[in-house]
Amino acid sequence: MVTTVTKDNFDKEILNAEETVIVDFWAAWCMPCKMLTPIIDAVAEERKDIKVCKINIDEEQELAIRFGVMSIPTLIVFKDGEVANKSVGLISKDDVLALL
């Protein structure tokens, strides 16, 4: 399952999560983001030990700025509420899993 995150539920869903969280910063107009979506969905389906979240940067610009998202798609991995890893651009499923 992929959770949609906004500034209102960010702390609850990401910073206070007990499991590792991977966050996909994306936008509807972004073609590489659209290409990454099935990969992110597959990871969410296969890896029940992690939480997968998506943040639409057009709707949540404050969060994009807060985490220095300059290009999309950007994936950020959080462990214990801290940024543990980051990737910018379209990557393969194996590369997504390697971020974790």
PDB file of N, CA and C in Angstrom:
ATOM      1  N   MET A   1       0.833  -1.183   0.000  1.00  0.00           N
ATOM      2  CA  MET A   1       0.000   0.000   0.000  1.00  0.00           C
ATOM      3  C   MET A   1       0.883   1.254   0.000  1.00  0.00           C
ATOM      4  N   VAL A   2       0.514   2.225  -0.779  1.00  0.00           N
ATOM      5  CA  VAL A   2       1.234   3.496  -0.846  1.00  0.00           C
ATOM      6  C   VAL A   2       0.385   4.557  -0.144  1.00  0.00           C
ATOM      7  N   THR A   3       1.019   5.277   0.770  1.00  0.00           N
ATOM      8  CA  THR A   3       0.330   6.298   1.554  1.00  0.00           C
ATOM      9  C   THR A   3       0.611   7.672   0.970  1.00  0.00           C
ATOM     10  N   THR A   4      -0.433   8.453   0.758  1.00  0.00           N
ATOM     11  CA  THR A   4      -0.270   9.833   0.310  1.00  0.00           C
ATOM     12  C   THR A   4       0.001  10.700   1.540  1.00  0.00           C
ATOM     13  N   VAL A   5       1.066  11.492   1.450  1.00  0.00           N
ATOM     14  CA  VAL A   5       1.483  12.305   2.593  1.00  0.00           C
ATOM     15  C   VAL A   5       1.341  13.787   2.261  1.00  0.00           C
ATOM     16  N   THR A   6       0.866  14.537   3.252  1.00  0.00           N
ATOM     17  CA  THR A   6       0.774  15.987   3.177  1.00  0.00           C
ATOM     18  C   THR A   6       1.492  16.557   4.394  1.00  0.00           C
ATOM     19  N   LYS A   7       1.604  17.871   4.454  1.00  0.00           N
ATOM     20  CA  LYS A   7       2.249  18.473   5.626  1.00  0.00           C
ATOM     21  C   LYS A   7       1.463  18.162   6.900  1.00  0.00           C
ATOM     22  N   ASP A   8       0.167  17.905   6.761  1.00  0.00           N
ATOM     23  CA  ASP A   8      -0.674  17.626   7.926  1.00  0.00           C
ATOM     24  C   ASP A   8      -0.413  16.252   8.542  1.00  0.00           C
ATOM     25  N   ASN A   9      -0.047  15.265   7.718  1.00  0.00           N
ATOM     26  CA  ASN A   9       0.194  13.930   8.277  1.00  0.00           C
ATOM     27  C   ASN A   9       1.659  13.492   8.167  1.00  0.00           C
ATOM     28  N   PHE A  10       2.549  14.404   7.773  1.00  0.00           N
ATOM     29  CA  PHE A  10       3.955  14.069   7.556  1.00  0.00           C
ATOM     30  C   PHE A  10       4.612  13.491   8.806  1.00  0.00           C
ATOM     31  N   ASP A  11       4.485  14.172   9.932  1.00  0.00           N
ATOM     32  CA  ASP A  11       5.133  13.692  11.158  1.00  0.00           C
ATOM     33  C   ASP A  11       4.633  12.304  11.532  1.00  0.00           C
ATOM     34  N   LYS A  12       3.324  12.121  11.495  1.00  0.00           N
ATOM     35  CA  LYS A  12       2.725  10.837  11.878  1.00  0.00           C
ATOM     36  C   LYS A  12       3.174   9.716  10.944  1.00  0.00           C
ATOM     37  N   GLU A  13       3.107   9.953   9.646  1.00  0.00           N
ATOM     38  CA  GLU A  13       3.370   8.896   8.670  1.00  0.00           C
ATOM     39  C   GLU A  13       4.855   8.612   8.442  1.00  0.00           C
ATOM     40  N   ILE A  14       5.695   9.637   8.584  1.00  0.00           N
ATOM     41  CA  ILE A  14       7.111   9.464   8.230  1.00  0.00           C
ATOM     42  C   ILE A  14       8.031   9.599   9.439  1.00  0.00           C
ATOM     43  N   LEU A  15       8.013  10.740  10.095  1.00  0.00           N
ATOM     44  CA  LEU A  15       8.965  10.964  11.188  1.00  0.00           C
ATOM     45  C   LEU A  15       8.722  10.053  12.380  1.00  0.00           C
ATOM     46  N   ASN A  16       7.476   9.717  12.651  1.00  0.00           N
ATOM     47  CA  ASN A  16       7.154   8.873  13.802  1.00  0.00           C
ATOM     48  C   ASN A  16       6.938   7.407  13.436  1.00  0.00           C
ATOM     49  N   ALA A  17       7.210   7.049  12.205  1.00  0.00           N
ATOM     50  CA  ALA A  17       7.017   5.658  11.768  1.00  0.00           C
ATOM     51  C   ALA A  17       8.050   4.754  12.434  1.00  0.00           C
ATOM     52  N   GLU A  18       7.618   3.565  12.813  1.00  0.00           N
ATOM     53  CA  GLU A  18       8.532   2.604  13.425  1.00  0.00           C
ATOM     54  C   GLU A  18       9.367   1.881  12.381  1.00  0.00           C
ATOM     55  N   GLU A  19       8.816   1.724  11.171  1.00  0.00           N
ATOM     56  CA  GLU A  19       9.536   1.035  10.115  1.00  0.00           C
ATOM     57  C   GLU A  19      10.294   2.030   9.223  1.00  0.00           C
ATOM     58  N   THR A  20      11.140   1.501   8.367  1.00  0.00           N
ATOM     59  CA  THR A  20      11.812   2.312   7.355  1.00  0.00           C
ATOM     60  C   THR A  20      10.760   2.832   6.394  1.00  0.00           C
ATOM     61  N   VAL A  21      10.910   4.103   5.980  1.00  0.00           N
ATOM     62  CA  VAL A  21       9.946   4.733   5.067  1.00  0.00           C
ATOM     63  C   VAL A  21      10.682   5.213   3.820  1.00  0.00           C
ATOM     64  N   ILE A  22      10.152   4.893   2.654  1.00  0.00           N
ATOM     65  CA  ILE A  22      10.667   5.459   1.410  1.00  0.00           C
ATOM     66  C   ILE A  22       9.603   6.406   0.874  1.00  0.00           C
ATOM     67  N   VAL A  23      10.026   7.623   0.556  1.00  0.00           N
ATOM     68  CA  VAL A  23       9.110   8.668   0.109  1.00  0.00           C
ATOM     69  C   VAL A  23       9.433   9.043  -1.328  1.00  0.00           C
ATOM     70  N   ASP A  24       8.416   9.005  -2.162  1.00  0.00           N
ATOM     71  CA  ASP A  24       8.527   9.378  -3.566  1.00  0.00           C
ATOM     72  C   ASP A  24       7.971  10.796  -3.730  1.00  0.00           C
ATOM     73  N   PHE A  25       8.862  11.749  -3.995  1.00  0.00           N
ATOM     74  CA  PHE A  25       8.450  13.126  -4.311  1.00  0.00           C
ATOM     75  C   PHE A  25       8.207  13.169  -5.810  1.00  0.00           C
ATOM     76  N   TRP A  26       6.995  13.535  -6.229  1.00  0.00           N
ATOM     77  CA  TRP A  26       6.588  13.419  -7.632  1.00  0.00           C
ATOM     78  C   TRP A  26       5.644  14.556  -8.008  1.00  0.00           C
ATOM     79  N   ALA A  27       5.285  14.590  -9.301  1.00  0.00           N
ATOM     80  CA  ALA A  27       4.267  15.518  -9.801  1.00  0.00           C
ATOM     81  C   ALA A  27       3.545  14.838 -10.973  1.00  0.00           C
ATOM     82  N   ALA A  28       2.287  15.193 -11.160  1.00  0.00           N
ATOM     83  CA  ALA A  28       1.462  14.568 -12.191  1.00  0.00           C
ATOM     84  C   ALA A  28       1.985  14.816 -13.608  1.00  0.00           C
ATOM     85  N   TRP A  29       2.648  15.945 -13.830  1.00  0.00           N
ATOM     86  CA  TRP A  29       3.128  16.302 -15.164  1.00  0.00           C
ATOM     87  C   TRP A  29       4.489  15.691 -15.500  1.00  0.00           C
ATOM     88  N   CYS A  30       5.105  15.008 -14.553  1.00  0.00           N
ATOM     89  CA  CYS A  30       6.475  14.490 -14.686  1.00  0.00           C
ATOM     90  C   CYS A  30       6.475  13.087 -15.294  1.00  0.00           C
ATOM     91  N   MET A  31       6.985  12.952 -16.521  1.00  0.00           N
ATOM     92  CA  MET A  31       6.999  11.652 -17.197  1.00  0.00           C
ATOM     93  C   MET A  31       7.885  10.632 -16.475  1.00  0.00           C
ATOM     94  N   PRO A  32       9.108  10.978 -16.042  1.00  0.00           N
ATOM     95  CA  PRO A  32       9.890   9.989 -15.284  1.00  0.00           C
ATOM     96  C   PRO A  32       9.184   9.543 -13.995  1.00  0.00           C
ATOM     97  N   CYS A  33       8.414  10.454 -13.386  1.00  0.00           N
ATOM     98  CA  CYS A  33       7.639  10.089 -12.185  1.00  0.00           C
ATOM     99  C   CYS A  33       6.605   9.023 -12.531  1.00  0.00           C
ATOM    100  N   LYS A  34       5.950   9.204 -13.661  1.00  0.00           N
ATOM    101  CA  LYS A  34       4.946   8.233 -14.111  1.00  0.00           C
ATOM    102  C   LYS A  34       5.595   6.879 -14.397  1.00  0.00           C
ATOM    103  N   MET A  35       6.818   6.899 -14.896  1.00  0.00           N
ATOM    104  CA  MET A  35       7.527   5.659 -15.179  1.00  0.00           C
ATOM    105  C   MET A  35       7.982   4.973 -13.888  1.00  0.00           C
ATOM    106  N   LEU A  36       8.227   5.749 -12.842  1.00  0.00           N
ATOM    107  CA  LEU A  36       8.660   5.191 -11.564  1.00  0.00           C
ATOM    108  C   LEU A  36       7.488   4.618 -10.756  1.00  0.00           C
ATOM    109  N   THR A  37       6.285   5.109 -10.999  1.00  0.00           N
ATOM    110  CA  THR A  37       5.118   4.695 -10.208  1.00  0.00           C
ATOM    111  C   THR A  37       4.920   3.181 -10.136  1.00  0.00           C
ATOM    112  N   PRO A  38       4.957   2.437 -11.265  1.00  0.00           N
ATOM    113  CA  PRO A  38       4.761   0.986 -11.137  1.00  0.00           C
ATOM    114  C   PRO A  38       5.872   0.297 -10.347  1.00  0.00           C
ATOM    115  N   ILE A  39       7.069   0.869 -10.390  1.00  0.00           N
ATOM    116  CA  ILE A  39       8.186   0.317  -9.614  1.00  0.00           C
ATOM    117  C   ILE A  39       7.927   0.523  -8.126  1.00  0.00           C
ATOM    118  N   ILE A  40       7.526   1.744  -7.762  1.00  0.00           N
ATOM    119  CA  ILE A  40       7.222   2.053  -6.365  1.00  0.00           C
ATOM    120  C   ILE A  40       6.056   1.194  -5.878  1.00  0.00           C
ATOM    121  N   ASP A  41       5.034   1.032  -6.698  1.00  0.00           N
ATOM    122  CA  ASP A  41       3.887   0.206  -6.341  1.00  0.00           C
ATOM    123  C   ASP A  41       4.308  -1.249  -6.104  1.00  0.00           C
ATOM    124  N   ALA A  42       5.201  -1.762  -6.944  1.00  0.00           N
ATOM    125  CA  ALA A  42       5.676  -3.144  -6.794  1.00  0.00           C
ATOM    126  C   ALA A  42       6.467  -3.311  -5.503  1.00  0.00           C
ATOM    127  N   VAL A  43       7.310  -2.334  -5.195  1.00  0.00           N
ATOM    128  CA  VAL A  43       8.080  -2.379  -3.946  1.00  0.00           C
ATOM    129  C   VAL A  43       7.131  -2.367  -2.746  1.00  0.00           C
ATOM    130  N   ALA A  44       6.109  -1.524  -2.805  1.00  0.00           N
ATOM    131  CA  ALA A  44       5.130  -1.447  -1.718  1.00  0.00           C
ATOM    132  C   ALA A  44       4.409  -2.787  -1.539  1.00  0.00           C
ATOM    133  N   GLU A  45       4.119  -3.441  -2.638  1.00  0.00           N
ATOM    134  CA  GLU A  45       3.413  -4.722  -2.596  1.00  0.00           C
ATOM    135  C   GLU A  45       4.297  -5.834  -2.027  1.00  0.00           C
ATOM    136  N   GLU A  46       5.567  -5.827  -2.418  1.00  0.00           N
ATOM    137  CA  GLU A  46       6.479  -6.914  -2.052  1.00  0.00           C
ATOM    138  C   GLU A  46       7.098  -6.757  -0.669  1.00  0.00           C
ATOM    139  N   ARG A  47       7.371  -5.536  -0.276  1.00  0.00           N
ATOM    140  CA  ARG A  47       8.098  -5.298   0.984  1.00  0.00           C
ATOM    141  C   ARG A  47       7.147  -4.816   2.072  1.00  0.00           C
ATOM    142  N   LYS A  48       6.588  -5.751   2.802  1.00  0.00           N
ATOM    143  CA  LYS A  48       5.643  -5.409   3.870  1.00  0.00           C
ATOM    144  C   LYS A  48       6.355  -4.852   5.103  1.00  0.00           C
ATOM    145  N   ASP A  49       7.697  -4.937   5.128  1.00  0.00           N
ATOM    146  CA  ASP A  49       8.468  -4.472   6.282  1.00  0.00           C
ATOM    147  C   ASP A  49       8.799  -2.979   6.203  1.00  0.00           C
ATOM    148  N   ILE A  50       8.429  -2.336   5.105  1.00  0.00           N
ATOM    149  CA  ILE A  50       8.688  -0.899   4.958  1.00  0.00           C
ATOM    150  C   ILE A  50       7.378  -0.172   4.660  1.00  0.00           C
ATOM    151  N   LYS A  51       7.415   1.133   4.824  1.00  0.00           N
ATOM    152  CA  LYS A  51       6.259   1.968   4.472  1.00  0.00           C
ATOM    153  C   LYS A  51       6.646   2.756   3.225  1.00  0.00           C
ATOM    154  N   VAL A  52       5.741   2.806   2.259  1.00  0.00           N
ATOM    155  CA  VAL A  52       5.976   3.541   1.021  1.00  0.00           C
ATOM    156  C   VAL A  52       4.995   4.707   0.968  1.00  0.00           C
ATOM    157  N   CYS A  53       5.548   5.911   0.775  1.00  0.00           N
ATOM    158  CA  CYS A  53       4.734   7.127   0.758  1.00  0.00           C
ATOM    159  C   CYS A  53       5.024   7.933  -0.494  1.00  0.00           C
ATOM    160  N   LYS A  54       4.038   8.753  -0.883  1.00  0.00           N
ATOM    161  CA  LYS A  54       4.185   9.656  -2.027  1.00  0.00           C
ATOM    162  C   LYS A  54       3.814  11.062  -1.596  1.00  0.00           C
ATOM    163  N   ILE A  55       4.602  12.029  -2.062  1.00  0.00           N
ATOM    164  CA  ILE A  55       4.324  13.439  -1.809  1.00  0.00           C
ATOM    165  C   ILE A  55       4.287  14.157  -3.150  1.00  0.00           C
ATOM    166  N   ASN A  56       3.139  14.757  -3.464  1.00  0.00           N
ATOM    167  CA  ASN A  56       2.976  15.532  -4.687  1.00  0.00           C
ATOM    168  C   ASN A  56       3.590  16.915  -4.442  1.00  0.00           C
ATOM    169  N   ILE A  57       4.668  17.233  -5.145  1.00  0.00           N
ATOM    170  CA  ILE A  57       5.388  18.484  -4.868  1.00  0.00           C
ATOM    171  C   ILE A  57       4.598  19.721  -5.267  1.00  0.00           C
ATOM    172  N   ASP A  58       3.660  19.578  -6.201  1.00  0.00           N
ATOM    173  CA  ASP A  58       2.834  20.728  -6.581  1.00  0.00           C
ATOM    174  C   ASP A  58       1.865  21.102  -5.463  1.00  0.00           C
ATOM    175  N   GLU A  59       1.427  20.101  -4.716  1.00  0.00           N
ATOM    176  CA  GLU A  59       0.483  20.335  -3.621  1.00  0.00           C
ATOM    177  C   GLU A  59       1.189  20.571  -2.287  1.00  0.00           C
ATOM    178  N   GLU A  60       2.402  20.090  -2.166  1.00  0.00           N
ATOM    179  CA  GLU A  60       3.143  20.160  -0.895  1.00  0.00           C
ATOM    180  C   GLU A  60       4.526  20.780  -1.106  1.00  0.00           C
ATOM    181  N   GLN A  61       4.532  22.010  -1.591  1.00  0.00           N
ATOM    182  CA  GLN A  61       5.797  22.674  -1.893  1.00  0.00           C
ATOM    183  C   GLN A  61       6.655  22.865  -0.656  1.00  0.00           C
ATOM    184  N   GLU A  62       6.031  23.102   0.499  1.00  0.00           N
ATOM    185  CA  GLU A  62       6.794  23.282   1.741  1.00  0.00           C
ATOM    186  C   GLU A  62       7.659  22.065   2.048  1.00  0.00           C
ATOM    187  N   LEU A  63       7.104  20.865   1.858  1.00  0.00           N
ATOM    188  CA  LEU A  63       7.859  19.644   2.130  1.00  0.00           C
ATOM    189  C   LEU A  63       8.983  19.461   1.116  1.00  0.00           C
ATOM    190  N   ALA A  64       8.718  19.785  -0.139  1.00  0.00           N
ATOM    191  CA  ALA A  64       9.758  19.681  -1.162  1.00  0.00           C
ATOM    192  C   ALA A  64      10.921  20.609  -0.829  1.00  0.00           C
ATOM    193  N   ILE A  65      10.610  21.815  -0.418  1.00  0.00           N
ATOM    194  CA  ILE A  65      11.659  22.783  -0.047  1.00  0.00           C
ATOM    195  C   ILE A  65      12.400  22.304   1.191  1.00  0.00           C
ATOM    196  N   ARG A  66      11.660  21.828   2.177  1.00  0.00           N
ATOM    197  CA  ARG A  66      12.252  21.364   3.443  1.00  0.00           C
ATOM    198  C   ARG A  66      13.306  20.285   3.222  1.00  0.00           C
ATOM    199  N   PHE A  67      13.082  19.418   2.234  1.00  0.00           N
ATOM    200  CA  PHE A  67      14.008  18.323   1.989  1.00  0.00           C
ATOM    201  C   PHE A  67      14.876  18.529   0.750  1.00  0.00           C
ATOM    202  N   GLY A  68      14.920  19.757   0.252  1.00  0.00           N
ATOM    203  CA  GLY A  68      15.837  20.103  -0.828  1.00  0.00           C
ATOM    204  C   GLY A  68      15.557  19.401  -2.137  1.00  0.00           C
ATOM    205  N   VAL A  69      14.289  19.126  -2.407  1.00  0.00           N
ATOM    206  CA  VAL A  69      13.932  18.461  -3.662  1.00  0.00           C
ATOM    207  C   VAL A  69      13.999  19.488  -4.790  1.00  0.00           C
ATOM    208  N   MET A  70      14.991  19.313  -5.674  1.00  0.00           N
ATOM    209  CA  MET A  70      15.207  20.240  -6.775  1.00  0.00           C
ATOM    210  C   MET A  70      14.786  19.642  -8.112  1.00  0.00           C
ATOM    211  N   SER A  71      14.813  18.316  -8.196  1.00  0.00           N
ATOM    212  CA  SER A  71      14.418  17.591  -9.406  1.00  0.00           C
ATOM    213  C   SER A  71      13.563  16.413  -8.981  1.00  0.00           C
ATOM    214  N   ILE A  72      12.692  15.999  -9.887  1.00  0.00           N
ATOM    215  CA  ILE A  72      11.856  14.845  -9.583  1.00  0.00           C
ATOM    216  C   ILE A  72      11.941  13.828 -10.715  1.00  0.00           C
ATOM    217  N   PRO A  73      11.700  12.573 -10.398  1.00  0.00           N
ATOM    218  CA  PRO A  73      11.365  12.050  -9.097  1.00  0.00           C
ATOM    219  C   PRO A  73      12.564  12.037  -8.146  1.00  0.00           C
ATOM    220  N   THR A  74      12.294  12.284  -6.884  1.00  0.00           N
ATOM    221  CA  THR A  74      13.285  12.144  -5.819  1.00  0.00           C
ATOM    222  C   THR A  74      12.740  11.145  -4.819  1.00  0.00           C
ATOM    223  N   LEU A  75      13.568  10.174  -4.478  1.00  0.00           N
ATOM    224  CA  LEU A  75      13.223   9.205  -3.438  1.00  0.00           C
ATOM    225  C   LEU A  75      14.077   9.499  -2.215  1.00  0.00           C
ATOM    226  N   ILE A  76      13.450   9.570  -1.044  1.00  0.00           N
ATOM    227  CA  ILE A  76      14.177   9.765   0.203  1.00  0.00           C
ATOM    228  C   ILE A  76      13.772   8.652   1.158  1.00  0.00           C
ATOM    229  N   VAL A  77      14.780   8.001   1.736  1.00  0.00           N
ATOM    230  CA  VAL A  77      14.554   6.939   2.707  1.00  0.00           C
ATOM    231  C   VAL A  77      14.749   7.523   4.106  1.00  0.00           C
ATOM    232  N   PHE A  78      13.769   7.296   4.977  1.00  0.00           N
ATOM    233  CA  PHE A  78      13.833   7.733   6.368  1.00  0.00           C
ATOM    234  C   PHE A  78      13.931   6.524   7.268  1.00  0.00           C
ATOM    235  N   LYS A  79      14.869   6.580   8.211  1.00  0.00           N
ATOM    236  CA  LYS A  79      14.983   5.559   9.251  1.00  0.00           C
ATOM    237  C   LYS A  79      15.012   6.284  10.580  1.00  0.00           C
ATOM    238  N   ASP A  80      14.130   5.899  11.469  1.00  0.00           N
ATOM    239  CA  ASP A  80      14.023   6.534  12.786  1.00  0.00           C
ATOM    240  C   ASP A  80      13.844   8.043  12.665  1.00  0.00           C
ATOM    241  N   GLY A  81      13.077   8.475  11.677  1.00  0.00           N
ATOM    242  CA  GLY A  81      12.769   9.889  11.503  1.00  0.00           C
ATOM    243  C   GLY A  81      13.868  10.719  10.879  1.00  0.00           C
ATOM    244  N   GLU A  82      14.957  10.089  10.469  1.00  0.00           N
ATOM    245  CA  GLU A  82      16.090  10.796   9.873  1.00  0.00           C
ATOM    246  C   GLU A  82      16.282  10.351   8.422  1.00  0.00           C
ATOM    247  N   VAL A  83      16.771  11.265   7.586  1.00  0.00           N
ATOM    248  CA  VAL A  83      17.081  10.914   6.200  1.00  0.00           C
ATOM    249  C   VAL A  83      18.267   9.954   6.192  1.00  0.00           C
ATOM    250  N   ALA A  84      18.054   8.781   5.593  1.00  0.00           N
ATOM    251  CA  ALA A  84      19.100   7.761   5.556  1.00  0.00           C
ATOM    252  C   ALA A  84      19.685   7.582   4.160  1.00  0.00           C
ATOM    253  N   ASN A  85      18.921   7.928   3.141  1.00  0.00           N
ATOM    254  CA  ASN A  85      19.390   7.750   1.772  1.00  0.00           C
ATOM    255  C   ASN A  85      18.521   8.593   0.847  1.00  0.00           C
ATOM    256  N   LYS A  86      19.051   8.875  -0.353  1.00  0.00           N
ATOM    257  CA  LYS A  86      18.331   9.730  -1.291  1.00  0.00           C
ATOM    258  C   LYS A  86      18.752   9.384  -2.714  1.00  0.00           C
ATOM    259  N   SER A  87      17.806   9.475  -3.634  1.00  0.00           N
ATOM    260  CA  SER A  87      18.083   9.243  -5.048  1.00  0.00           C
ATOM    261  C   SER A  87      17.264  10.229  -5.863  1.00  0.00           C
ATOM    262  N   VAL A  88      17.870  10.757  -6.923  1.00  0.00           N
ATOM    263  CA  VAL A  88      17.188  11.695  -7.803  1.00  0.00           C
ATOM    264  C   VAL A  88      17.166  11.108  -9.208  1.00  0.00           C
ATOM    265  N   GLY A  89      15.982  11.119  -9.810  1.00  0.00           N
ATOM    266  CA  GLY A  89      15.834  10.613 -11.170  1.00  0.00           C
ATOM    267  C   GLY A  89      15.216   9.229 -11.198  1.00  0.00           C
ATOM    268  N   LEU A  90      14.894   8.787 -12.394  1.00  0.00           N
ATOM    269  CA  LEU A  90      14.292   7.473 -12.605  1.00  0.00           C
ATOM    270  C   LEU A  90      15.336   6.399 -12.359  1.00  0.00           C
ATOM    271  N   ILE A  91      15.015   5.436 -11.493  1.00  0.00           N
ATOM    272  CA  ILE A  91      15.925   4.330 -11.220  1.00  0.00           C
ATOM    273  C   ILE A  91      15.174   3.014 -11.317  1.00  0.00           C
ATOM    274  N   SER A  92      15.928   1.928 -11.397  1.00  0.00           N
ATOM    275  CA  SER A  92      15.338   0.594 -11.522  1.00  0.00           C
ATOM    276  C   SER A  92      14.834   0.105 -10.172  1.00  0.00           C
ATOM    277  N   LYS A  93      14.049  -0.949 -10.226  1.00  0.00           N
ATOM    278  CA  LYS A  93      13.544  -1.553  -8.993  1.00  0.00           C
ATOM    279  C   LYS A  93      14.701  -2.033  -8.100  1.00  0.00           C
ATOM    280  N   ASP A  94      15.719  -2.630  -8.707  1.00  0.00           N
ATOM    281  CA  ASP A  94      16.869  -3.086  -7.923  1.00  0.00           C
ATOM    282  C   ASP A  94      17.545  -1.916  -7.229  1.00  0.00           C
ATOM    283  N   ASP A  95      17.631  -0.781  -7.913  1.00  0.00           N
ATOM    284  CA  ASP A  95      18.235   0.411  -7.304  1.00  0.00           C
ATOM    285  C   ASP A  95      17.372   0.955  -6.180  1.00  0.00           C
ATOM    286  N   VAL A  96      16.047   0.903  -6.342  1.00  0.00           N
ATOM    287  CA  VAL A  96      15.138   1.328  -5.269  1.00  0.00           C
ATOM    288  C   VAL A  96      15.364   0.449  -4.046  1.00  0.00           C
ATOM    289  N   LEU A  97      15.414  -0.853  -4.254  1.00  0.00           N
ATOM    290  CA  LEU A  97      15.620  -1.785  -3.139  1.00  0.00           C
ATOM    291  C   LEU A  97      16.985  -1.575  -2.482  1.00  0.00           C
ATOM    292  N   ALA A  98      17.987  -1.222  -3.272  1.00  0.00           N
ATOM    293  CA  ALA A  98      19.321  -0.978  -2.730  1.00  0.00           C
ATOM    294  C   ALA A  98      19.357   0.255  -1.828  1.00  0.00           C
ATOM    295  N   LEU A  99      18.459   1.213  -2.082  1.00  0.00           N
ATOM    296  CA  LEU A  99      18.389   2.407  -1.219  1.00  0.00           C
ATOM    297  C   LEU A  99      17.982   2.054   0.202  1.00  0.00           C
ATOM    298  N   LEU A 100      17.211   0.990   0.328  1.00  0.00           N
ATOM    299  CA  LEU A 100      16.666   0.605   1.629  1.00  0.00           C
ATOM    300  C   LEU A 100      17.733  -0.005   2.497  1.00  0.00           C
TER     301      LEU A 100
END
